[in-house]
Amino acid sequence: MNRRMILNTVGKMLLAEGLFLLLPALTALIYGEAKGLIALLITVGIALLSGGMMCGLAKPKSAVIYAKEGFFIVSASWILLSLVGALPFTISGEIPNYIDAVFETVSGLTTTGASILTDVEAMSHGMLFWRSFTHWIGGMGVLVFVMAILPNVSERSIHILRAEAPGPVVGKLVPRLKDTARLLYVIYIALTALLTVLLLAGGMSPFDSLIHAFGTAGTGGFGVRADSIASYSPYLQWVITVFMLIFGVNFNLYYLILVRRFKTALKSSEFWAYVTIVLLATGGVAVSIWGQYGSAEETVRHAAFQVSSIVTTTGFATTDFNLWPQFAKGILLLLMFIGGCAGATAGGFKVSRIVILFKQIRRELQKMLHPRSVKTLRFEGHQLEEQTTRGVLSYLALYLICFLVIFLFVSADSFGDFETHFSSTASCFNNVGPGFAGVGPTANFASYSLLSKLVLSAGMLLGRLEIIPLLIFFSPSSWKK
């Protein structure tokens, strides 16, 4: 195992985080927030110093990165970025308890949006900026960003991309990996900038526009108001609804559109499954809540917004859906598990895996009827390898086991009831944000014990990195030469 390469790359991640922290520091300077500015600058110094030392002391003799190194780099980077990223909150005193600060930072970087804050509007601008900026960083992945800007990126770094990118199949969009990483970020930045302009056009302040653009692009859900998006205009709510759905789509489709391969893009079975799920869920929720709001437009708007927010695992809210009928809440709970498309910034099990599972089930039924028949599975115009199909089934088993373990740990907490614990587990593990009952859209996770917060933080990381990298990282056998 190339340990020097692992340390060197993780050091570069810390250097990148130190540079990212300069933006909220600039925000704190603009708004005259001395305490927040000092806390952020101290953290910048810690990140740059520790990252620089790791890069300097661990100069790799070989730049080769195999699968194991990729998993180790991703796991170590996300854990360290979370631990260092939590420091400004604690140093400034805005989140005095470090475990709470870690929970908030992990929630931000994993684009979950679950919060322990009871009064978000009391936070300083610098801390609010950093809190939401973590969504934008974690949405596409900080390692993808570093691969985009670093020279001499090896083609074997595809293992890093595969370990960090969500979904069962990850490949290069263009021949060179570095160009793939750059292209992903160009699309990401362009869509974020477009959303920011549209929010500004709707009367949202520049600061609020940036914060909500970060939360929407990263499908995270942190905002600046206690009522999330509820107090903003219908226009702004519709804009955010549309862009949540846009960021829940596989970014490969946007590349195909850019190169004018429209027919290939429109043939995507995952995309049409995603659209179908959203339309059916919106219709079901709208029918269930009909009569609770003043007009048909308001009813459809709330239904479309919450369905988009939950299926893309963003977690914004325009209303307290905790008060909705059980059928509507059941649909939202199901959407928590489905999630968005592979290769998007959304969390959850992923639509692509759902499609592959249904194809596999249909093939097994056909085999029972016609034992001698041989049928290959096709997905997105390509024949699926048996390894990919087995990988989806294995991931499903791991997914269920991890969910149950996290749920059992959280259930031991004295806070909350079954609905609270189940939905908080589903919300954190699938990187959604709000749940139901005690952790609904008008509540938070502050009442959970420190142990439960650590378990839920681990669940958020497992969900974002899709289990395998962290299991390998914490497996003692993986550390042997």
Protein backbone atom coordinates (compact mmCIF):
# COMPACT_ATOMS: atom_id res chain seq x y z
CA MET A 1 0.00 0.00 0.00
CA ASN A 2 1.35 3.41 -1.01
CA ARG A 3 1.04 5.12 2.39
CA ARG A 4 3.11 8.13 1.41
CA MET A 5 0.77 8.78 -1.49
CA ILE A 6 -2.22 8.54 0.84
CA LEU A 7 -0.75 11.01 3.35
CA ASN A 8 0.37 13.36 0.60
CA THR A 9 -3.05 13.44 -1.06
CA VAL A 10 -4.90 13.86 2.24
CA GLY A 11 -2.53 16.74 3.01
CA LYS A 12 -3.57 18.38 -0.24
CA MET A 13 -7.21 18.00 0.81
CA LEU A 14 -6.46 19.92 4.01
CA LEU A 15 -4.67 22.60 1.99
CA ALA A 16 -7.75 22.89 -0.21
CA GLU A 17 -9.99 23.21 2.87
CA GLY A 18 -7.74 25.96 4.21
CA LEU A 19 -8.21 27.87 0.97
CA PHE A 20 -11.98 27.27 1.02
CA LEU A 21 -12.13 28.74 4.54
CA LEU A 22 -10.81 32.06 3.24
CA LEU A 23 -14.19 32.78 1.60
CA PRO A 24 -16.21 32.71 4.86
CA ALA A 25 -13.34 34.63 6.48
CA LEU A 26 -13.76 37.33 3.82
CA THR A 27 -17.51 37.31 4.52
CA ALA A 28 -16.86 37.80 8.24
CA LEU A 29 -14.50 40.67 7.41
CA ILE A 30 -17.10 42.36 5.18
CA TYR A 31 -19.76 42.16 7.88
CA GLY A 32 -17.35 43.25 10.65
CA GLU A 33 -17.58 40.02 12.65
CA ALA A 34 -14.29 40.00 14.55
CA LYS A 35 -14.85 36.86 16.62
CA GLY A 36 -15.90 34.80 13.60
CA LEU A 37 -13.02 36.18 11.51
CA ILE A 38 -10.44 35.20 14.15
CA ALA A 39 -11.93 31.69 14.49
CA LEU A 40 -11.88 31.17 10.74
CA LEU A 41 -8.32 32.47 10.33
CA ILE A 42 -7.10 30.22 13.15
CA THR A 43 -8.67 27.25 11.38
CA VAL A 44 -7.12 28.36 8.07
CA GLY A 45 -3.73 28.32 9.78
CA ILE A 46 -4.32 24.85 11.27
CA ALA A 47 -5.48 23.43 7.92
CA LEU A 48 -2.64 24.95 5.91
CA LEU A 49 0.04 24.05 8.48
CA SER A 50 -1.08 20.44 8.98
CA GLY A 51 -1.73 19.96 5.26
CA GLY A 52 1.65 21.46 4.34
CA MET A 53 3.47 19.24 6.85
CA MET A 54 1.73 16.11 5.51
CA CYS A 55 2.65 17.02 1.93
CA GLY A 56 6.22 17.90 2.87
CA LEU A 57 6.95 14.90 5.07
CA ALA A 58 5.23 12.32 2.86
CA LYS A 59 6.63 12.86 -0.61
CA PRO A 60 5.60 9.73 -2.52
CA LYS A 61 8.17 7.78 -4.51
CA SER A 62 5.37 6.55 -6.74
CA ALA A 63 2.17 8.37 -7.75
CA VAL A 64 0.31 5.12 -8.44
CA ILE A 65 -3.09 4.87 -6.79
CA TYR A 66 -4.79 1.49 -6.67
CA ALA A 67 -8.32 0.76 -5.46
CA LYS A 68 -7.28 0.37 -1.80
CA GLU A 69 -5.39 3.67 -1.82
CA GLY A 70 -8.43 5.34 -3.39
CA PHE A 71 -10.72 4.12 -0.61
CA PHE A 72 -8.22 5.13 2.08
CA ILE A 73 -7.72 8.61 0.62
CA VAL A 74 -11.44 9.27 0.36
CA SER A 75 -12.25 8.01 3.86
CA ALA A 76 -9.35 9.77 5.61
CA SER A 77 -10.00 13.01 3.71
CA TRP A 78 -13.69 13.21 4.58
CA ILE A 79 -13.08 12.41 8.25
CA LEU A 80 -10.25 14.98 8.60
CA LEU A 81 -12.11 17.64 6.63
CA SER A 82 -15.07 17.21 8.98
CA LEU A 83 -12.95 17.40 12.14
CA VAL A 84 -11.03 20.48 10.98
CA GLY A 85 -14.10 22.11 9.42
CA ALA A 86 -15.89 21.98 12.79
CA LEU A 87 -13.24 24.10 14.52
CA PRO A 88 -14.53 27.58 13.50
CA PHE A 89 -17.92 26.91 15.10
CA THR A 90 -16.38 25.89 18.42
CA ILE A 91 -13.56 28.46 18.47
CA SER A 92 -16.03 31.29 17.79
CA GLY A 93 -18.37 29.97 20.49
CA GLU A 94 -21.34 29.80 18.12
CA ILE A 95 -21.51 26.01 18.61
CA PRO A 96 -19.66 25.59 21.94
CA ASN A 97 -19.79 21.79 22.04
CA TYR A 98 -17.27 20.30 19.61
CA ILE A 99 -19.34 17.12 19.04
CA ASP A 100 -22.28 19.31 18.02
CA ALA A 101 -19.97 21.25 15.71
CA VAL A 102 -18.72 18.01 14.15
CA PHE A 103 -22.32 16.86 13.61
CA GLU A 104 -23.15 20.16 11.90
CA THR A 105 -20.02 20.02 9.72
CA VAL A 106 -20.47 16.37 8.74
CA SER A 107 -24.09 17.21 7.94
CA GLY A 108 -22.88 20.05 5.74
CA LEU A 109 -20.12 18.21 3.88
CA THR A 110 -22.27 15.12 3.29
CA THR A 111 -25.05 17.47 2.07
CA THR A 112 -27.44 16.05 4.66
CA GLY A 113 -28.74 19.28 6.19
CA ALA A 114 -29.66 17.82 9.60
CA SER A 115 -28.96 20.46 12.23
CA ILE A 116 -28.50 20.81 15.98
CA LEU A 117 -29.03 24.60 15.85
CA THR A 118 -32.08 25.89 17.71
CA ASP A 119 -31.68 29.50 16.52
CA VAL A 120 -30.02 29.58 13.12
CA GLU A 121 -30.91 33.25 12.62
CA ALA A 122 -28.63 34.20 15.53
CA MET A 123 -25.52 32.92 13.74
CA SER A 124 -23.03 35.32 12.20
CA HIS A 125 -22.78 35.78 8.44
CA GLY A 126 -19.31 34.23 8.30
CA MET A 127 -20.44 31.05 10.06
CA LEU A 128 -23.63 30.83 8.02
CA PHE A 129 -21.55 31.13 4.86
CA TRP A 130 -19.14 28.37 5.93
CA ARG A 131 -22.03 26.16 7.08
CA SER A 132 -23.74 26.33 3.67
CA PHE A 133 -20.52 26.42 1.65
CA THR A 134 -19.73 22.95 3.02
CA HIS A 135 -22.79 21.76 1.05
CA TRP A 136 -21.34 23.09 -2.17
CA ILE A 137 -17.91 21.59 -1.45
CA GLY A 138 -19.31 18.18 -0.51
CA GLY A 139 -21.93 18.06 -3.27
CA MET A 140 -19.57 17.40 -6.15
CA GLY A 141 -16.77 16.21 -3.87
CA VAL A 142 -13.65 17.99 -2.70
CA LEU A 143 -11.43 15.27 -4.14
CA VAL A 144 -12.95 15.80 -7.58
CA PHE A 145 -12.10 19.50 -7.19
CA VAL A 146 -8.51 18.76 -6.20
CA MET A 147 -8.10 16.37 -9.14
CA ALA A 148 -9.37 19.15 -11.41
CA ILE A 149 -6.72 21.67 -10.33
CA LEU A 150 -3.69 19.55 -9.46
CA PRO A 151 -0.99 18.84 -12.05
CA ASN A 152 0.22 15.31 -12.78
CA VAL A 153 -3.04 13.58 -11.91
CA SER A 154 -2.63 9.87 -12.66
CA GLU A 155 -5.27 8.05 -14.68
CA ARG A 156 -5.34 5.56 -11.83
CA SER A 157 -6.95 8.33 -9.77
CA ILE A 158 -10.20 7.04 -11.25
CA HIS A 159 -10.27 4.94 -8.06
CA ILE A 160 -10.67 8.15 -6.05
CA LEU A 161 -13.50 9.30 -8.31
CA ARG A 162 -15.21 5.92 -8.00
CA ALA A 163 -14.88 5.92 -4.21
CA GLU A 164 -16.27 9.45 -3.83
CA ALA A 165 -18.89 9.69 -6.59
CA PRO A 166 -22.35 8.34 -5.73
CA GLY A 167 -23.87 5.52 -7.73
CA PRO A 168 -23.09 2.00 -8.96
CA VAL A 169 -21.25 2.90 -12.18
CA VAL A 170 -18.59 5.59 -12.45
CA GLY A 171 -16.52 6.19 -15.54
CA LYS A 172 -14.73 8.98 -17.33
CA LEU A 173 -16.75 11.39 -19.49
CA VAL A 174 -13.68 12.22 -21.57
CA PRO A 175 -10.43 10.28 -22.14
CA ARG A 176 -8.36 12.19 -19.58
CA LEU A 177 -9.46 11.95 -15.94
CA LYS A 178 -8.29 15.49 -15.19
CA ASP A 179 -10.55 16.81 -17.95
CA THR A 180 -13.47 14.81 -16.54
CA ALA A 181 -13.02 16.41 -13.12
CA ARG A 182 -12.76 19.87 -14.64
CA LEU A 183 -15.81 19.32 -16.82
CA LEU A 184 -17.89 18.21 -13.83
CA TYR A 185 -16.96 21.37 -11.94
CA VAL A 186 -17.57 23.64 -14.92
CA ILE A 187 -21.13 22.28 -15.19
CA TYR A 188 -21.55 22.52 -11.41
CA ILE A 189 -20.33 26.13 -11.21
CA ALA A 190 -22.37 27.22 -14.24
CA LEU A 191 -25.61 25.80 -12.82
CA THR A 192 -24.89 27.32 -9.40
CA ALA A 193 -24.24 30.74 -10.97
CA LEU A 194 -27.46 30.53 -13.02
CA LEU A 195 -29.47 29.67 -9.93
CA THR A 196 -27.91 32.56 -7.99
CA VAL A 197 -28.90 35.02 -10.75
CA LEU A 198 -32.49 33.72 -10.80
CA LEU A 199 -32.74 34.02 -7.01
CA LEU A 200 -31.43 37.59 -7.17
CA ALA A 201 -34.02 38.33 -9.88
CA GLY A 202 -36.72 37.19 -7.48
CA GLY A 203 -35.75 39.75 -4.86
CA MET A 204 -33.60 37.56 -2.62
CA SER A 205 -30.62 39.39 -1.10
CA PRO A 206 -27.13 38.61 -2.48
CA PHE A 207 -26.10 36.83 0.72
CA ASP A 208 -29.29 34.76 0.92
CA SER A 209 -29.02 33.96 -2.80
CA LEU A 210 -25.53 32.53 -2.40
CA ILE A 211 -26.48 30.54 0.71
CA HIS A 212 -29.52 28.97 -0.95
CA ALA A 213 -27.65 28.38 -4.20
CA PHE A 214 -25.01 26.44 -2.23
CA GLY A 215 -27.70 24.44 -0.43
CA THR A 216 -29.64 23.68 -3.61
CA ALA A 217 -26.61 22.84 -5.79
CA GLY A 218 -25.16 20.54 -3.14
CA THR A 219 -28.66 19.21 -2.35
CA GLY A 220 -27.95 20.01 1.29
CA GLY A 221 -30.67 22.24 2.69
CA PHE A 222 -28.95 24.59 5.15
CA GLY A 223 -30.49 28.07 5.01
CA VAL A 224 -30.57 31.31 6.95
CA ARG A 225 -34.07 31.20 8.38
CA ALA A 226 -35.72 28.94 10.92
CA ASP A 227 -38.66 28.29 8.57
CA SER A 228 -36.33 27.25 5.73
CA ILE A 229 -37.92 28.49 2.45
CA ALA A 230 -41.47 29.03 3.78
CA SER A 231 -41.28 32.83 4.10
CA TYR A 232 -39.91 33.38 0.59
CA SER A 233 -42.12 34.18 -2.41
CA PRO A 234 -43.84 31.52 -4.58
CA TYR A 235 -41.52 32.49 -7.46
CA LEU A 236 -38.42 31.70 -5.37
CA GLN A 237 -39.96 28.45 -4.16
CA TRP A 238 -40.65 27.35 -7.75
CA VAL A 239 -37.12 28.29 -8.85
CA ILE A 240 -35.59 26.23 -6.04
CA THR A 241 -37.97 23.34 -6.82
CA VAL A 242 -36.80 23.21 -10.44
CA PHE A 243 -33.12 23.45 -9.55
CA MET A 244 -33.32 20.81 -6.85
CA LEU A 245 -34.60 18.46 -9.55
CA ILE A 246 -31.86 19.62 -11.95
CA PHE A 247 -29.12 18.84 -9.42
CA GLY A 248 -30.69 15.45 -8.75
CA VAL A 249 -30.01 14.38 -12.36
CA ASN A 250 -26.89 12.45 -13.39
CA PHE A 251 -24.32 15.03 -14.54
CA ASN A 252 -23.39 12.73 -17.44
CA LEU A 253 -26.63 13.85 -19.10
CA TYR A 254 -25.54 17.48 -19.02
CA TYR A 255 -22.28 16.50 -20.68
CA LEU A 256 -24.20 14.68 -23.41
CA ILE A 257 -26.37 17.76 -23.92
CA LEU A 258 -23.27 19.99 -24.12
CA VAL A 259 -21.79 17.84 -26.88
CA ARG A 260 -25.24 17.76 -28.59
CA ARG A 261 -25.82 14.06 -28.15
CA PHE A 262 -29.47 14.72 -27.38
CA LYS A 263 -30.80 11.33 -28.48
CA THR A 264 -28.41 9.49 -26.18
CA ALA A 265 -29.34 11.77 -23.28
CA LEU A 266 -33.07 11.30 -23.84
CA LYS A 267 -32.71 7.50 -23.95
CA SER A 268 -31.54 7.39 -20.32
CA SER A 269 -33.74 4.88 -18.48
CA GLU A 270 -32.54 6.26 -15.14
CA PHE A 271 -33.61 9.79 -16.07
CA TRP A 272 -37.10 8.73 -17.14
CA ALA A 273 -37.48 6.58 -14.02
CA TYR A 274 -36.49 9.64 -11.97
CA VAL A 275 -39.04 11.84 -13.78
CA THR A 276 -41.76 9.22 -13.37
CA ILE A 277 -41.08 8.88 -9.63
CA VAL A 278 -41.24 12.67 -9.15
CA LEU A 279 -44.47 13.07 -11.13
CA LEU A 280 -46.26 10.15 -9.44
CA ALA A 281 -45.11 11.23 -5.97
CA THR A 282 -46.12 14.86 -6.57
CA GLY A 283 -49.54 13.76 -7.79
CA GLY A 284 -50.03 11.43 -4.82
CA VAL A 285 -48.99 14.06 -2.26
CA ALA A 286 -51.11 16.77 -3.92
CA VAL A 287 -54.22 14.57 -3.80
CA SER A 288 -53.50 13.63 -0.16
CA ILE A 289 -53.13 17.25 1.05
CA TRP A 290 -55.89 18.70 -1.16
CA GLY A 291 -57.95 21.19 0.83
CA GLN A 292 -55.25 22.00 3.40
CA TYR A 293 -54.13 25.12 1.52
CA GLY A 294 -55.88 28.13 0.05
CA SER A 295 -55.55 27.36 -3.66
CA ALA A 296 -54.73 24.63 -6.15
CA GLU A 297 -51.46 26.40 -7.05
CA GLU A 298 -50.34 26.52 -3.43
CA THR A 299 -51.22 22.84 -2.95
CA VAL A 300 -49.29 21.74 -6.05
CA ARG A 301 -46.38 24.06 -5.17
CA HIS A 302 -45.97 22.60 -1.67
CA ALA A 303 -46.37 19.05 -3.00
CA ALA A 304 -43.86 19.57 -5.82
CA PHE A 305 -41.40 21.36 -3.55
CA GLN A 306 -41.40 18.73 -0.80
CA VAL A 307 -41.24 15.82 -3.24
CA SER A 308 -38.31 17.48 -5.04
CA SER A 309 -36.63 18.33 -1.75
CA ILE A 310 -36.88 14.81 -0.36
CA VAL A 311 -36.16 12.77 -3.51
CA THR A 312 -33.05 14.86 -4.19
CA THR A 313 -32.23 14.67 -0.44
CA THR A 314 -31.96 18.46 -0.25
CA GLY A 315 -34.10 18.92 2.84
CA PHE A 316 -35.52 22.42 2.30
CA ALA A 317 -39.13 22.94 3.40
CA THR A 318 -41.91 25.38 2.50
CA THR A 319 -44.38 24.00 5.05
CA ASP A 320 -44.50 21.70 8.07
CA PHE A 321 -45.06 18.39 6.27
CA ASN A 322 -45.07 16.74 9.68
CA LEU A 323 -48.75 17.81 9.81
CA TRP A 324 -49.64 16.16 6.50
CA PRO A 325 -51.78 12.98 6.25
CA GLN A 326 -50.05 9.64 6.77
CA PHE A 327 -50.27 8.76 3.06
CA ALA A 328 -48.34 11.92 2.05
CA LYS A 329 -45.77 11.30 4.79
CA GLY A 330 -45.46 7.69 3.65
CA ILE A 331 -44.62 8.85 0.13
CA LEU A 332 -41.96 11.22 1.47
CA LEU A 333 -40.47 8.46 3.64
CA LEU A 334 -40.23 6.18 0.60
CA LEU A 335 -38.54 8.97 -1.38
CA MET A 336 -35.94 9.33 1.40
CA PHE A 337 -34.73 5.83 0.58
CA ILE A 338 -34.89 6.15 -3.22
CA GLY A 339 -32.87 9.38 -3.52
CA GLY A 340 -31.64 10.96 -6.75
CA CYS A 341 -29.69 9.70 -9.75
CA ALA A 342 -26.19 8.25 -9.74
CA GLY A 343 -23.55 10.84 -10.60
CA ALA A 344 -25.64 13.65 -9.09
CA THR A 345 -25.16 15.56 -5.84
CA ALA A 346 -28.16 13.78 -4.28
CA GLY A 347 -28.01 10.99 -1.71
CA GLY A 348 -30.19 7.94 -1.07
CA PHE A 349 -30.05 4.43 -2.55
CA LYS A 350 -30.09 5.96 -6.09
CA VAL A 351 -32.60 5.59 -8.91
CA SER A 352 -30.07 3.67 -11.03
CA ARG A 353 -29.85 0.91 -8.44
CA ILE A 354 -33.65 0.74 -8.22
CA VAL A 355 -33.85 0.34 -12.02
CA ILE A 356 -31.16 -2.36 -12.03
CA LEU A 357 -32.87 -4.24 -9.17
CA PHE A 358 -36.19 -4.26 -11.02
CA LYS A 359 -34.47 -5.49 -14.18
CA GLN A 360 -32.81 -8.24 -12.17
CA ILE A 361 -36.11 -9.26 -10.57
CA ARG A 362 -37.79 -9.41 -13.99
CA ARG A 363 -34.94 -11.54 -15.34
CA GLU A 364 -35.23 -13.97 -12.42
CA LEU A 365 -38.99 -14.30 -12.98
CA GLN A 366 -38.40 -15.02 -16.67
CA LYS A 367 -35.82 -17.67 -15.75
CA MET A 368 -38.40 -19.40 -13.58
CA LEU A 369 -40.82 -19.50 -16.51
CA HIS A 370 -38.12 -20.33 -19.10
CA PRO A 371 -35.22 -22.05 -17.29
CA ARG A 372 -33.12 -22.47 -20.44
CA SER A 373 -33.44 -18.89 -21.61
CA VAL A 374 -30.40 -16.61 -21.44
CA LYS A 375 -31.18 -12.92 -21.01
CA THR A 376 -28.59 -10.20 -20.47
CA LEU A 377 -29.38 -7.03 -18.59
CA ARG A 378 -28.99 -3.71 -20.37
CA PHE A 379 -28.75 -0.31 -18.71
CA GLU A 380 -28.33 3.08 -20.41
CA GLY A 381 -27.74 1.37 -23.76
CA HIS A 382 -24.96 -0.91 -22.49
CA GLN A 383 -24.88 -4.52 -21.42
CA LEU A 384 -24.54 -4.80 -17.66
CA GLU A 385 -21.71 -6.95 -16.40
CA GLU A 386 -22.61 -9.56 -13.79
CA GLN A 387 -20.11 -7.87 -11.48
CA THR A 388 -22.18 -4.68 -11.55
CA THR A 389 -25.41 -6.56 -10.82
CA ARG A 390 -23.79 -8.45 -7.95
CA GLY A 391 -22.40 -5.16 -6.68
CA VAL A 392 -25.90 -3.65 -6.51
CA LEU A 393 -27.25 -6.69 -4.64
CA SER A 394 -24.28 -6.65 -2.23
CA TYR A 395 -24.73 -2.94 -1.67
CA LEU A 396 -28.42 -3.48 -0.88
CA ALA A 397 -27.49 -6.03 1.79
CA LEU A 398 -24.86 -3.72 3.31
CA TYR A 399 -27.28 -0.79 3.09
CA LEU A 400 -29.95 -2.63 5.09
CA ILE A 401 -27.48 -3.94 7.68
CA CYS A 402 -25.96 -0.47 8.27
CA PHE A 403 -29.39 1.11 8.48
CA LEU A 404 -30.57 -1.38 11.11
CA VAL A 405 -27.38 -1.03 13.19
CA ILE A 406 -27.63 2.78 13.21
CA PHE A 407 -31.35 2.60 14.01
CA LEU A 408 -30.75 0.26 16.98
CA PHE A 409 -28.06 2.54 18.41
CA VAL A 410 -30.25 5.62 18.04
CA SER A 411 -33.29 3.82 19.47
CA ALA A 412 -31.45 3.44 22.77
CA ASP A 413 -31.56 7.22 23.18
CA SER A 414 -34.04 8.57 25.71
CA PHE A 415 -35.11 11.28 23.27
CA GLY A 416 -37.93 10.66 20.82
CA ASP A 417 -40.25 7.83 19.80
CA PHE A 418 -40.15 5.16 17.09
CA GLU A 419 -41.13 7.59 14.32
CA THR A 420 -38.45 10.05 15.42
CA HIS A 421 -35.68 7.44 15.59
CA PHE A 422 -36.64 5.67 12.34
CA SER A 423 -36.96 8.88 10.34
CA SER A 424 -33.78 10.39 11.83
CA THR A 425 -31.87 7.26 10.81
CA ALA A 426 -33.41 7.31 7.33
CA SER A 427 -32.76 11.03 7.02
CA CYS A 428 -29.11 10.96 8.12
CA PHE A 429 -28.14 7.70 6.39
CA ASN A 430 -29.70 8.88 3.12
CA ASN A 431 -28.35 12.44 3.53
CA VAL A 432 -31.83 14.02 3.52
CA GLY A 433 -31.94 16.37 6.53
CA PRO A 434 -35.34 16.65 8.21
CA GLY A 435 -37.35 13.64 9.32
CA PHE A 436 -40.68 13.33 11.10
CA ALA A 437 -42.01 13.84 14.64
CA GLY A 438 -39.18 15.08 16.90
CA VAL A 439 -36.82 15.76 13.98
CA GLY A 440 -39.39 17.23 11.57
CA PRO A 441 -38.89 20.34 9.42
CA THR A 442 -39.65 22.69 12.35
CA ALA A 443 -37.51 20.72 14.82
CA ASN A 444 -33.84 19.69 14.99
CA PHE A 445 -31.41 17.06 16.29
CA ALA A 446 -30.22 19.04 19.33
CA SER A 447 -32.01 16.83 21.89
CA TYR A 448 -30.16 13.66 20.90
CA SER A 449 -27.31 12.54 23.17
CA LEU A 450 -23.70 13.09 22.14
CA LEU A 451 -23.32 9.36 21.43
CA SER A 452 -26.37 9.38 19.13
CA LYS A 453 -25.01 12.45 17.32
CA LEU A 454 -21.72 10.64 16.72
CA VAL A 455 -23.57 7.55 15.46
CA LEU A 456 -25.74 9.67 13.16
CA SER A 457 -22.63 11.53 11.95
CA ALA A 458 -21.06 8.18 11.09
CA GLY A 459 -24.31 7.29 9.31
CA MET A 460 -24.12 10.47 7.23
CA LEU A 461 -20.56 9.65 6.16
CA LEU A 462 -21.51 6.06 5.38
CA GLY A 463 -24.41 7.28 3.26
CA ARG A 464 -22.40 9.90 1.38
CA LEU A 465 -19.45 7.61 0.66
CA GLU A 466 -21.76 4.64 0.08
CA ILE A 467 -20.43 2.40 2.86
CA ILE A 468 -17.60 0.52 1.12
CA PRO A 469 -14.74 3.07 1.51
CA LEU A 470 -15.32 3.48 5.25
CA LEU A 471 -15.70 -0.27 5.86
CA ILE A 472 -12.38 -0.88 4.09
CA PHE A 473 -10.73 2.02 5.93
CA PHE A 474 -11.75 0.71 9.37
CA SER A 475 -11.05 -2.95 8.56
CA PRO A 476 -7.84 -4.06 10.37
CA SER A 477 -6.93 -6.42 7.52
CA SER A 478 -6.86 -3.49 5.07
CA TRP A 479 -3.94 -1.92 6.90
CA LYS A 480 -1.71 -4.94 6.44
CA LYS A 481 0.89 -4.76 3.71
